[in-house]
């Protein structure tokens, strides 16, 4: 499950890392991205990567789905969806009611696998890697560096695997329990 995440990188980092030249949406740092927030994502428009805003939580029937399991992605229904990259500097998971800010060890910006439809998106989750197993039984799919365009352009599901990136988990304040709290205090170690 991925119920909250963080995105604060600037346009230069996004442009360099994801080959984005068009920014169709203005964004501010968000240290506590919650479902129903409008979030910058990267998709393909006119043969180039474009940053635009979409709402987190895709309507599927009567359900508002913030996450889609990799196992579910094989259903024909999802073949009609567009692929996108959800920008993240980290995400939150709770263990024994204590929030943890999960990042890559090198603290770089990364992309989560997403699918979208009608200006809404969901994050794809998979089984945990070795690092995440002690924290949670699911994790968001982190697209390997250099494979982001493969995900956006392809309908292949072979990238939907647990990440082999080195990761870190930082115990943080329960400030993140409320979506109203949105400052860098949310990611500070306690």
N, C-alpha and C. Protein backbone atom coordinates (compact mmCIF):
# COMPACT_ATOMS: atom_id res chain seq x y z
N UNK A 1 0.86 -1.19 0.00
CA UNK A 1 0.00 0.00 0.00
C UNK A 1 0.89 1.23 0.00
N UNK A 2 0.46 2.23 -0.69
CA UNK A 2 1.13 3.52 -0.65
C UNK A 2 0.04 4.55 -0.44
N UNK A 3 -0.08 5.06 0.79
CA UNK A 3 -1.16 5.98 1.11
C UNK A 3 -0.73 7.42 1.25
N UNK A 4 0.58 7.67 1.31
CA UNK A 4 1.12 9.03 1.38
C UNK A 4 2.50 9.03 0.76
N UNK A 5 2.85 10.13 0.12
CA UNK A 5 4.22 10.25 -0.37
C UNK A 5 4.66 11.70 -0.36
N UNK A 6 5.90 11.94 -0.77
CA UNK A 6 6.54 13.25 -0.69
C UNK A 6 7.11 13.60 -2.06
N UNK A 7 6.91 14.86 -2.48
CA UNK A 7 7.55 15.35 -3.69
C UNK A 7 7.91 16.81 -3.51
N UNK A 8 9.21 17.11 -3.53
CA UNK A 8 9.64 18.49 -3.33
C UNK A 8 10.73 18.95 -4.31
N UNK A 9 11.18 18.10 -5.23
CA UNK A 9 12.26 18.48 -6.15
C UNK A 9 11.86 19.63 -7.07
N UNK A 10 12.86 20.40 -7.49
CA UNK A 10 12.57 21.54 -8.36
C UNK A 10 12.52 21.13 -9.84
N UNK A 11 12.12 22.08 -10.67
CA UNK A 11 11.94 21.83 -12.11
C UNK A 11 13.22 21.35 -12.78
N UNK A 12 14.36 21.89 -12.37
CA UNK A 12 15.63 21.49 -12.99
C UNK A 12 15.91 20.00 -12.76
N UNK A 13 15.67 19.53 -11.53
CA UNK A 13 15.87 18.11 -11.23
C UNK A 13 14.92 17.24 -12.05
N UNK A 14 13.67 17.66 -12.13
CA UNK A 14 12.67 16.90 -12.89
C UNK A 14 13.05 16.85 -14.37
N UNK A 15 13.42 18.00 -14.90
CA UNK A 15 13.79 18.09 -16.31
C UNK A 15 14.98 17.20 -16.63
N UNK A 16 16.00 17.25 -15.80
CA UNK A 16 17.22 16.48 -16.01
C UNK A 16 16.97 14.98 -15.87
N UNK A 17 16.29 14.59 -14.81
CA UNK A 17 16.12 13.17 -14.53
C UNK A 17 15.13 12.48 -15.47
N UNK A 18 14.07 13.20 -15.88
CA UNK A 18 13.00 12.57 -16.64
C UNK A 18 12.84 13.12 -18.06
N UNK A 19 13.80 13.93 -18.49
CA UNK A 19 13.78 14.45 -19.85
C UNK A 19 12.47 15.21 -20.15
N UNK A 20 12.08 16.05 -19.21
CA UNK A 20 10.85 16.84 -19.35
C UNK A 20 11.20 18.24 -19.84
N UNK A 21 10.57 18.67 -20.91
CA UNK A 21 10.79 20.02 -21.44
C UNK A 21 9.54 20.89 -21.30
N UNK A 22 8.38 20.25 -21.20
CA UNK A 22 7.12 20.99 -21.09
C UNK A 22 6.52 20.78 -19.70
N UNK A 23 6.23 21.88 -19.04
CA UNK A 23 5.59 21.84 -17.73
C UNK A 23 4.22 22.47 -17.88
N UNK A 24 3.19 21.63 -17.98
CA UNK A 24 1.83 22.13 -18.17
C UNK A 24 1.13 22.40 -16.85
N UNK A 25 1.87 22.24 -15.77
CA UNK A 25 1.30 22.47 -14.46
C UNK A 25 2.36 23.09 -13.55
N UNK A 26 1.93 24.04 -12.74
CA UNK A 26 2.80 24.63 -11.72
C UNK A 26 2.62 23.79 -10.46
N UNK A 27 3.69 23.58 -9.73
CA UNK A 27 3.56 22.80 -8.50
C UNK A 27 4.40 23.40 -7.39
N UNK A 28 4.03 23.06 -6.18
CA UNK A 28 4.77 23.46 -4.99
C UNK A 28 5.22 22.19 -4.29
N UNK A 29 6.27 22.28 -3.48
CA UNK A 29 6.67 21.10 -2.70
C UNK A 29 5.49 20.61 -1.86
N UNK A 30 5.36 19.30 -1.77
CA UNK A 30 4.30 18.70 -0.95
C UNK A 30 4.93 17.59 -0.12
N UNK A 31 5.00 17.79 1.18
CA UNK A 31 5.64 16.84 2.08
C UNK A 31 4.67 15.83 2.67
N UNK A 32 3.42 15.90 2.22
CA UNK A 32 2.41 14.98 2.75
C UNK A 32 1.31 14.80 1.70
N UNK A 33 1.71 14.28 0.52
CA UNK A 33 0.75 14.08 -0.56
C UNK A 33 -0.24 13.02 -0.12
N UNK A 34 -1.50 13.35 -0.19
CA UNK A 34 -2.57 12.47 0.26
C UNK A 34 -3.55 12.21 -0.88
N UNK A 35 -4.33 11.12 -0.79
CA UNK A 35 -5.34 10.86 -1.81
C UNK A 35 -6.24 12.08 -2.03
N UNK A 36 -6.64 12.27 -3.26
CA UNK A 36 -7.47 13.38 -3.74
C UNK A 36 -6.70 14.67 -3.95
N UNK A 37 -5.39 14.68 -3.67
CA UNK A 37 -4.58 15.84 -4.01
C UNK A 37 -4.30 15.84 -5.50
N UNK A 38 -4.17 17.03 -6.08
CA UNK A 38 -3.68 17.16 -7.45
C UNK A 38 -2.16 17.09 -7.39
N UNK A 39 -1.60 16.21 -8.21
CA UNK A 39 -0.19 15.87 -8.10
C UNK A 39 0.46 15.97 -9.48
N UNK A 40 1.71 16.47 -9.55
CA UNK A 40 2.40 16.47 -10.84
C UNK A 40 2.83 15.05 -11.22
N UNK A 41 2.49 14.66 -12.44
CA UNK A 41 2.91 13.36 -12.97
C UNK A 41 3.52 13.62 -14.36
N UNK A 42 4.22 12.62 -14.85
CA UNK A 42 4.81 12.74 -16.19
C UNK A 42 4.13 11.74 -17.11
N UNK A 43 3.70 12.25 -18.25
CA UNK A 43 3.09 11.41 -19.27
C UNK A 43 3.67 11.81 -20.63
N UNK A 44 3.21 11.17 -21.66
CA UNK A 44 3.71 11.43 -23.01
C UNK A 44 2.64 12.18 -23.79
N UNK A 45 3.00 13.34 -24.33
CA UNK A 45 2.10 14.13 -25.16
C UNK A 45 2.90 14.59 -26.39
N UNK A 46 2.36 14.30 -27.58
CA UNK A 46 3.03 14.70 -28.82
C UNK A 46 4.50 14.30 -28.84
N UNK A 47 4.78 13.05 -28.50
CA UNK A 47 6.13 12.48 -28.56
C UNK A 47 7.15 13.12 -27.63
N UNK A 48 6.69 13.73 -26.54
CA UNK A 48 7.65 14.21 -25.55
C UNK A 48 7.07 14.06 -24.14
N UNK A 49 7.99 13.94 -23.18
CA UNK A 49 7.57 13.82 -21.78
C UNK A 49 7.10 15.19 -21.29
N UNK A 50 5.92 15.18 -20.66
CA UNK A 50 5.28 16.41 -20.21
C UNK A 50 4.87 16.24 -18.75
N UNK A 51 5.08 17.29 -17.96
CA UNK A 51 4.61 17.29 -16.58
C UNK A 51 3.25 17.97 -16.54
N UNK A 52 2.27 17.28 -15.97
CA UNK A 52 0.93 17.84 -15.81
C UNK A 52 0.35 17.37 -14.49
N UNK A 53 -0.72 17.98 -14.06
CA UNK A 53 -1.33 17.64 -12.78
C UNK A 53 -2.51 16.71 -12.97
N UNK A 54 -2.60 15.71 -12.11
CA UNK A 54 -3.75 14.81 -12.06
C UNK A 54 -4.11 14.56 -10.60
N UNK A 55 -5.35 14.15 -10.40
CA UNK A 55 -5.83 13.86 -9.05
C UNK A 55 -5.50 12.42 -8.68
N UNK A 56 -4.99 12.23 -7.46
CA UNK A 56 -4.62 10.90 -6.98
C UNK A 56 -5.86 10.18 -6.46
N UNK A 57 -6.24 9.12 -7.15
CA UNK A 57 -7.40 8.32 -6.80
C UNK A 57 -8.25 8.12 -8.03
N UNK A 58 -8.08 7.00 -8.70
CA UNK A 58 -8.78 6.73 -9.95
C UNK A 58 -10.12 6.05 -9.66
N UNK A 59 -11.17 6.55 -10.27
CA UNK A 59 -12.49 5.96 -10.09
C UNK A 59 -12.60 4.69 -10.94
N UNK A 60 -12.78 3.55 -10.29
CA UNK A 60 -12.96 2.27 -10.98
C UNK A 60 -14.29 1.71 -10.47
N UNK A 61 -15.34 1.84 -11.28
CA UNK A 61 -16.67 1.47 -10.82
C UNK A 61 -17.06 2.38 -9.68
N UNK A 62 -17.47 1.80 -8.55
CA UNK A 62 -17.85 2.62 -7.40
C UNK A 62 -16.68 2.84 -6.44
N UNK A 63 -15.49 2.36 -6.82
CA UNK A 63 -14.33 2.47 -5.94
C UNK A 63 -13.38 3.57 -6.39
N UNK A 64 -12.84 4.29 -5.42
CA UNK A 64 -11.80 5.28 -5.68
C UNK A 64 -10.48 4.60 -5.31
N UNK A 65 -9.72 4.20 -6.31
CA UNK A 65 -8.53 3.39 -6.08
C UNK A 65 -7.27 4.25 -6.13
N UNK A 66 -6.61 4.36 -4.96
CA UNK A 66 -5.34 5.09 -4.93
C UNK A 66 -4.19 4.17 -5.34
N UNK A 67 -4.36 2.88 -5.11
CA UNK A 67 -3.35 1.88 -5.47
C UNK A 67 -3.98 0.78 -6.30
N UNK A 68 -3.19 0.25 -7.24
CA UNK A 68 -3.57 -0.92 -8.02
C UNK A 68 -2.47 -1.95 -7.84
N UNK A 69 -2.83 -3.17 -7.50
CA UNK A 69 -1.83 -4.23 -7.33
C UNK A 69 -1.28 -4.69 -8.68
N UNK A 70 0.00 -5.03 -8.72
CA UNK A 70 0.59 -5.54 -9.96
C UNK A 70 -0.18 -6.76 -10.46
N UNK A 71 -0.67 -7.58 -9.55
CA UNK A 71 -1.41 -8.78 -9.92
C UNK A 71 -2.70 -8.44 -10.68
N UNK A 72 -3.27 -7.29 -10.38
CA UNK A 72 -4.52 -6.85 -11.01
C UNK A 72 -4.27 -6.26 -12.40
N UNK A 73 -3.07 -5.79 -12.64
CA UNK A 73 -2.75 -5.11 -13.90
C UNK A 73 -2.90 -6.01 -15.13
N UNK A 74 -2.96 -7.31 -14.93
CA UNK A 74 -3.10 -8.24 -16.05
C UNK A 74 -4.53 -8.27 -16.60
N UNK A 75 -5.48 -7.71 -15.88
CA UNK A 75 -6.87 -7.69 -16.35
C UNK A 75 -7.00 -6.77 -17.56
N UNK A 76 -7.77 -7.19 -18.57
CA UNK A 76 -7.92 -6.39 -19.80
C UNK A 76 -8.38 -4.95 -19.55
N UNK A 77 -9.16 -4.73 -18.51
CA UNK A 77 -9.65 -3.40 -18.18
C UNK A 77 -8.51 -2.38 -18.11
N UNK A 78 -7.36 -2.79 -17.56
CA UNK A 78 -6.25 -1.87 -17.35
C UNK A 78 -5.42 -1.63 -18.60
N UNK A 79 -5.63 -2.43 -19.65
CA UNK A 79 -4.90 -2.21 -20.91
C UNK A 79 -5.26 -0.90 -21.56
N UNK A 80 -6.45 -0.36 -21.24
CA UNK A 80 -6.92 0.89 -21.84
C UNK A 80 -6.33 2.13 -21.14
N UNK A 81 -5.72 1.92 -19.99
CA UNK A 81 -5.21 3.05 -19.20
C UNK A 81 -3.87 3.54 -19.74
N UNK A 82 -3.62 4.83 -19.56
CA UNK A 82 -2.31 5.38 -19.89
C UNK A 82 -1.33 5.11 -18.77
N UNK A 83 -0.07 5.03 -19.12
CA UNK A 83 0.98 4.86 -18.11
C UNK A 83 1.59 6.22 -17.80
N UNK A 84 1.95 6.42 -16.54
CA UNK A 84 2.57 7.67 -16.12
C UNK A 84 3.63 7.41 -15.06
N UNK A 85 4.42 8.42 -14.83
CA UNK A 85 5.42 8.40 -13.76
C UNK A 85 4.93 9.36 -12.67
N UNK A 86 4.83 8.86 -11.46
CA UNK A 86 4.45 9.69 -10.32
C UNK A 86 5.75 10.09 -9.63
N UNK A 87 6.00 11.38 -9.54
CA UNK A 87 7.27 11.88 -9.00
C UNK A 87 7.28 11.79 -7.48
N UNK A 88 8.40 11.28 -6.94
CA UNK A 88 8.49 11.12 -5.48
C UNK A 88 9.93 11.29 -5.01
N UNK A 89 10.05 11.89 -3.84
CA UNK A 89 11.33 11.91 -3.13
C UNK A 89 11.32 10.86 -2.03
N UNK A 90 10.14 10.34 -1.73
CA UNK A 90 9.99 9.30 -0.72
C UNK A 90 8.52 9.03 -0.49
N UNK A 91 8.24 8.04 0.35
CA UNK A 91 6.86 7.73 0.71
C UNK A 91 6.82 7.32 2.17
N UNK A 92 5.62 7.30 2.73
CA UNK A 92 5.45 6.97 4.14
C UNK A 92 4.83 5.58 4.30
N UNK A 93 5.28 4.89 5.32
CA UNK A 93 4.62 3.66 5.78
C UNK A 93 4.62 3.70 7.30
N UNK A 94 3.65 3.03 7.88
CA UNK A 94 3.52 2.99 9.33
C UNK A 94 3.81 1.58 9.82
N UNK A 95 4.61 1.49 10.88
CA UNK A 95 4.87 0.20 11.54
C UNK A 95 4.65 0.43 13.03
N UNK A 96 3.75 -0.36 13.61
CA UNK A 96 3.39 -0.18 15.02
C UNK A 96 2.96 1.27 15.30
N UNK A 97 2.18 1.82 14.38
CA UNK A 97 1.63 3.18 14.47
C UNK A 97 2.69 4.29 14.39
N UNK A 98 3.92 3.91 14.12
CA UNK A 98 5.00 4.90 13.98
C UNK A 98 5.28 5.14 12.50
N UNK A 99 5.08 6.39 12.02
CA UNK A 99 5.36 6.64 10.60
C UNK A 99 6.85 6.61 10.30
N UNK A 100 7.14 6.11 9.12
CA UNK A 100 8.51 6.08 8.61
C UNK A 100 8.52 6.71 7.23
N UNK A 101 9.50 7.54 7.01
CA UNK A 101 9.72 8.15 5.70
C UNK A 101 10.71 7.26 4.96
N UNK A 102 10.27 6.66 3.87
CA UNK A 102 11.08 5.72 3.10
C UNK A 102 11.66 6.47 1.90
N UNK A 103 12.97 6.44 1.77
CA UNK A 103 13.65 7.11 0.65
C UNK A 103 14.68 6.16 0.05
N UNK A 104 15.22 6.57 -1.08
CA UNK A 104 16.39 5.88 -1.60
C UNK A 104 17.58 6.32 -0.76
N UNK A 105 18.53 5.44 -0.58
CA UNK A 105 19.70 5.72 0.26
C UNK A 105 20.41 7.00 -0.19
N UNK A 106 20.48 7.23 -1.52
CA UNK A 106 21.18 8.42 -2.03
C UNK A 106 20.28 9.66 -2.06
N UNK A 107 19.05 9.54 -1.60
CA UNK A 107 18.09 10.65 -1.46
C UNK A 107 17.67 11.28 -2.79
N UNK A 108 17.91 10.62 -3.92
CA UNK A 108 17.55 11.22 -5.20
C UNK A 108 16.06 11.06 -5.49
N UNK A 109 15.58 11.93 -6.35
CA UNK A 109 14.23 11.87 -6.89
C UNK A 109 14.05 10.55 -7.64
N UNK A 110 12.84 9.98 -7.58
CA UNK A 110 12.57 8.75 -8.33
C UNK A 110 11.14 8.77 -8.85
N UNK A 111 10.84 7.81 -9.71
CA UNK A 111 9.51 7.73 -10.29
C UNK A 111 8.79 6.47 -9.87
N UNK A 112 7.52 6.62 -9.49
CA UNK A 112 6.66 5.49 -9.17
C UNK A 112 5.83 5.15 -10.40
N UNK A 113 5.58 3.88 -10.61
CA UNK A 113 4.73 3.46 -11.73
C UNK A 113 3.28 3.83 -11.43
N UNK A 114 2.67 4.51 -12.39
CA UNK A 114 1.27 4.89 -12.24
C UNK A 114 0.49 4.61 -13.51
N UNK A 115 -0.82 4.53 -13.36
CA UNK A 115 -1.71 4.46 -14.52
C UNK A 115 -2.76 5.56 -14.34
N UNK A 116 -3.26 6.06 -15.48
CA UNK A 116 -4.22 7.15 -15.37
C UNK A 116 -5.37 6.98 -16.36
N UNK A 117 -6.44 7.69 -16.04
CA UNK A 117 -7.65 7.70 -16.85
C UNK A 117 -8.46 8.92 -16.44
N UNK A 118 -8.87 9.74 -17.40
CA UNK A 118 -9.73 10.90 -17.11
C UNK A 118 -9.19 11.81 -16.00
N UNK A 119 -7.95 12.20 -16.08
CA UNK A 119 -7.33 13.16 -15.15
C UNK A 119 -7.20 12.66 -13.72
N UNK A 120 -7.28 11.35 -13.54
CA UNK A 120 -7.01 10.76 -12.23
C UNK A 120 -6.01 9.62 -12.42
N UNK A 121 -5.28 9.30 -11.36
CA UNK A 121 -4.28 8.24 -11.46
C UNK A 121 -4.25 7.38 -10.21
N UNK A 122 -3.64 6.22 -10.36
CA UNK A 122 -3.37 5.31 -9.24
C UNK A 122 -1.91 4.92 -9.28
N UNK A 123 -1.36 4.62 -8.12
CA UNK A 123 0.01 4.12 -8.00
C UNK A 123 -0.03 2.61 -7.97
N UNK A 124 0.86 1.98 -8.70
CA UNK A 124 0.91 0.51 -8.74
C UNK A 124 1.80 0.01 -7.61
N UNK A 125 1.30 -0.99 -6.89
CA UNK A 125 2.06 -1.58 -5.79
C UNK A 125 2.42 -3.03 -6.11
N UNK A 126 3.45 -3.50 -5.43
CA UNK A 126 3.94 -4.86 -5.62
C UNK A 126 4.32 -5.45 -4.26
N UNK A 127 4.79 -6.68 -4.28
CA UNK A 127 5.26 -7.29 -3.04
C UNK A 127 6.50 -6.54 -2.56
N UNK A 128 6.82 -6.62 -1.28
CA UNK A 128 7.95 -5.84 -0.76
C UNK A 128 9.30 -6.44 -1.16
N UNK A 129 10.31 -5.58 -1.26
CA UNK A 129 11.67 -6.08 -1.41
C UNK A 129 12.18 -6.49 -0.02
N UNK A 130 13.39 -6.97 0.05
CA UNK A 130 13.95 -7.45 1.33
C UNK A 130 13.91 -6.35 2.38
N UNK A 131 14.27 -5.12 1.99
CA UNK A 131 14.29 -4.00 2.93
C UNK A 131 12.90 -3.72 3.49
N UNK A 132 11.87 -3.69 2.62
CA UNK A 132 10.52 -3.30 3.03
C UNK A 132 9.77 -4.39 3.79
N UNK A 133 10.19 -5.64 3.68
CA UNK A 133 9.45 -6.75 4.31
C UNK A 133 9.21 -6.54 5.80
N UNK A 134 10.17 -5.94 6.49
CA UNK A 134 10.01 -5.75 7.94
C UNK A 134 9.10 -4.57 8.27
N UNK A 135 8.74 -3.78 7.25
CA UNK A 135 7.92 -2.59 7.48
C UNK A 135 6.49 -2.78 7.00
N UNK A 136 6.33 -3.36 5.79
CA UNK A 136 4.99 -3.49 5.21
C UNK A 136 4.99 -4.64 4.21
N UNK A 137 3.79 -5.19 3.94
CA UNK A 137 3.70 -6.33 3.02
C UNK A 137 3.50 -5.91 1.56
N UNK A 138 3.48 -4.61 1.28
CA UNK A 138 3.40 -4.08 -0.09
C UNK A 138 4.33 -2.87 -0.18
N UNK A 139 4.67 -2.50 -1.41
CA UNK A 139 5.42 -1.28 -1.64
C UNK A 139 5.06 -0.74 -3.02
N UNK A 140 5.21 0.59 -3.23
CA UNK A 140 4.97 1.11 -4.57
C UNK A 140 6.06 0.63 -5.52
N UNK A 141 5.71 0.49 -6.79
CA UNK A 141 6.70 0.09 -7.79
C UNK A 141 7.55 1.31 -8.12
N UNK A 142 8.85 1.19 -7.86
CA UNK A 142 9.81 2.23 -8.22
C UNK A 142 10.40 1.84 -9.57
N UNK A 143 10.18 2.69 -10.56
CA UNK A 143 10.70 2.41 -11.90
C UNK A 143 12.23 2.56 -11.87
N UNK A 144 12.98 1.56 -12.34
CA UNK A 144 14.45 1.68 -12.33
C UNK A 144 14.92 2.89 -13.14
N UNK A 145 15.95 3.53 -12.63
CA UNK A 145 16.52 4.70 -13.30
C UNK A 145 16.89 4.33 -14.74
N UNK A 146 16.48 5.17 -15.67
CA UNK A 146 16.75 4.93 -17.08
C UNK A 146 15.65 4.15 -17.79
N UNK A 147 14.67 3.63 -17.03
CA UNK A 147 13.59 2.83 -17.63
C UNK A 147 12.25 3.56 -17.62
N UNK A 148 12.27 4.82 -17.23
CA UNK A 148 11.02 5.58 -17.10
C UNK A 148 10.26 5.67 -18.43
N UNK A 149 10.96 5.97 -19.51
CA UNK A 149 10.27 6.06 -20.80
C UNK A 149 9.75 4.71 -21.25
N UNK A 150 10.47 3.64 -20.91
CA UNK A 150 9.97 2.29 -21.22
C UNK A 150 8.60 2.08 -20.59
N UNK A 151 8.45 2.53 -19.34
CA UNK A 151 7.16 2.37 -18.67
C UNK A 151 6.07 3.23 -19.33
N UNK A 152 6.39 4.48 -19.61
CA UNK A 152 5.39 5.38 -20.19
C UNK A 152 4.92 4.88 -21.56
N UNK A 153 5.83 4.37 -22.36
CA UNK A 153 5.51 4.01 -23.75
C UNK A 153 5.01 2.59 -23.93
N UNK A 154 5.25 1.71 -22.96
CA UNK A 154 4.98 0.29 -23.16
C UNK A 154 3.76 -0.18 -22.38
N UNK A 155 3.17 -1.24 -22.84
CA UNK A 155 2.10 -1.89 -22.08
C UNK A 155 2.66 -3.12 -21.35
N UNK A 156 3.98 -3.33 -21.45
CA UNK A 156 4.63 -4.47 -20.79
C UNK A 156 4.59 -4.28 -19.28
N UNK A 157 4.37 -5.37 -18.58
CA UNK A 157 4.31 -5.32 -17.12
C UNK A 157 5.60 -5.80 -16.47
N UNK A 158 6.63 -6.02 -17.28
CA UNK A 158 7.85 -6.61 -16.73
C UNK A 158 8.61 -5.68 -15.79
N UNK A 159 8.35 -4.37 -15.82
CA UNK A 159 9.01 -3.44 -14.90
C UNK A 159 8.34 -3.41 -13.52
N UNK A 160 7.21 -4.08 -13.39
CA UNK A 160 6.44 -4.01 -12.14
C UNK A 160 6.94 -5.04 -11.12
N UNK A 161 8.12 -4.77 -10.60
CA UNK A 161 8.77 -5.67 -9.65
C UNK A 161 9.22 -4.88 -8.43
N UNK A 162 9.49 -5.59 -7.33
CA UNK A 162 10.06 -4.89 -6.17
C UNK A 162 11.40 -4.25 -6.54
N UNK A 163 11.65 -3.08 -6.02
CA UNK A 163 12.87 -2.34 -6.33
C UNK A 163 14.10 -3.02 -5.73
N UNK A 164 15.20 -2.95 -6.45
CA UNK A 164 16.46 -3.44 -5.88
C UNK A 164 17.37 -2.27 -5.49
N UNK A 165 16.80 -1.06 -5.43
CA UNK A 165 17.54 0.13 -4.98
C UNK A 165 17.84 0.01 -3.48
N UNK A 166 18.95 0.60 -3.05
CA UNK A 166 19.22 0.68 -1.62
C UNK A 166 18.30 1.73 -1.03
N UNK A 167 17.64 1.37 0.07
CA UNK A 167 16.63 2.25 0.65
C UNK A 167 16.94 2.55 2.11
N UNK A 168 16.24 3.54 2.64
CA UNK A 168 16.41 3.96 4.01
C UNK A 168 15.03 4.24 4.60
N UNK A 169 14.86 3.97 5.88
CA UNK A 169 13.61 4.27 6.58
C UNK A 169 13.92 5.15 7.78
N UNK A 170 13.30 6.31 7.81
CA UNK A 170 13.56 7.29 8.86
C UNK A 170 12.29 7.45 9.70
N UNK A 171 12.40 7.22 11.00
CA UNK A 171 11.25 7.45 11.87
C UNK A 171 10.97 8.95 11.91
N UNK A 172 9.69 9.30 11.66
CA UNK A 172 9.31 10.71 11.63
C UNK A 172 8.11 10.95 12.55
N UNK A 173 7.79 12.20 12.73
CA UNK A 173 6.71 12.62 13.62
C UNK A 173 5.34 12.15 13.12
N UNK A 174 4.42 12.02 14.05
CA UNK A 174 3.04 11.68 13.69
C UNK A 174 2.33 12.88 13.04
N UNK A 175 3.04 13.96 12.80
CA UNK A 175 2.48 15.08 12.03
C UNK A 175 1.89 14.59 10.71
N UNK A 176 2.54 13.59 10.10
CA UNK A 176 2.08 13.10 8.80
C UNK A 176 0.74 12.38 8.88
N UNK A 177 0.27 12.07 10.07
CA UNK A 177 -1.02 11.39 10.21
C UNK A 177 -2.17 12.27 9.72
N UNK A 178 -1.98 13.57 9.73
CA UNK A 178 -3.01 14.49 9.25
C UNK A 178 -2.59 15.10 7.92
N UNK A 179 -3.42 14.96 6.87
CA UNK A 179 -3.10 15.56 5.58
C UNK A 179 -3.01 17.09 5.63
N UNK A 180 -3.50 17.69 6.71
CA UNK A 180 -3.43 19.14 6.84
C UNK A 180 -2.00 19.62 7.07
N UNK A 181 -1.16 18.74 7.59
CA UNK A 181 0.23 19.10 7.86
C UNK A 181 1.06 18.87 6.60
N UNK A 182 1.68 19.93 6.13
CA UNK A 182 2.44 19.85 4.88
C UNK A 182 3.63 20.80 4.96
N UNK A 183 4.68 20.33 5.61
CA UNK A 183 5.92 21.12 5.70
C UNK A 183 7.09 20.14 5.79
N UNK A 184 8.28 20.67 5.67
CA UNK A 184 9.46 19.80 5.74
C UNK A 184 9.61 19.15 7.12
N UNK A 185 8.86 19.63 8.12
CA UNK A 185 8.87 18.99 9.43
C UNK A 185 8.39 17.55 9.34
N UNK A 186 7.55 17.26 8.34
CA UNK A 186 7.00 15.90 8.19
C UNK A 186 8.08 14.86 7.91
N UNK A 187 9.19 15.27 7.29
CA UNK A 187 10.22 14.28 6.92
C UNK A 187 11.45 14.33 7.83
N UNK A 188 11.38 15.13 8.89
CA UNK A 188 12.52 15.23 9.81
C UNK A 188 12.56 14.02 10.74
N UNK A 189 13.75 13.49 10.93
CA UNK A 189 13.93 12.34 11.83
C UNK A 189 13.62 12.75 13.26
N UNK A 190 13.02 11.79 13.99
CA UNK A 190 12.77 12.06 15.43
C UNK A 190 13.66 11.16 16.26
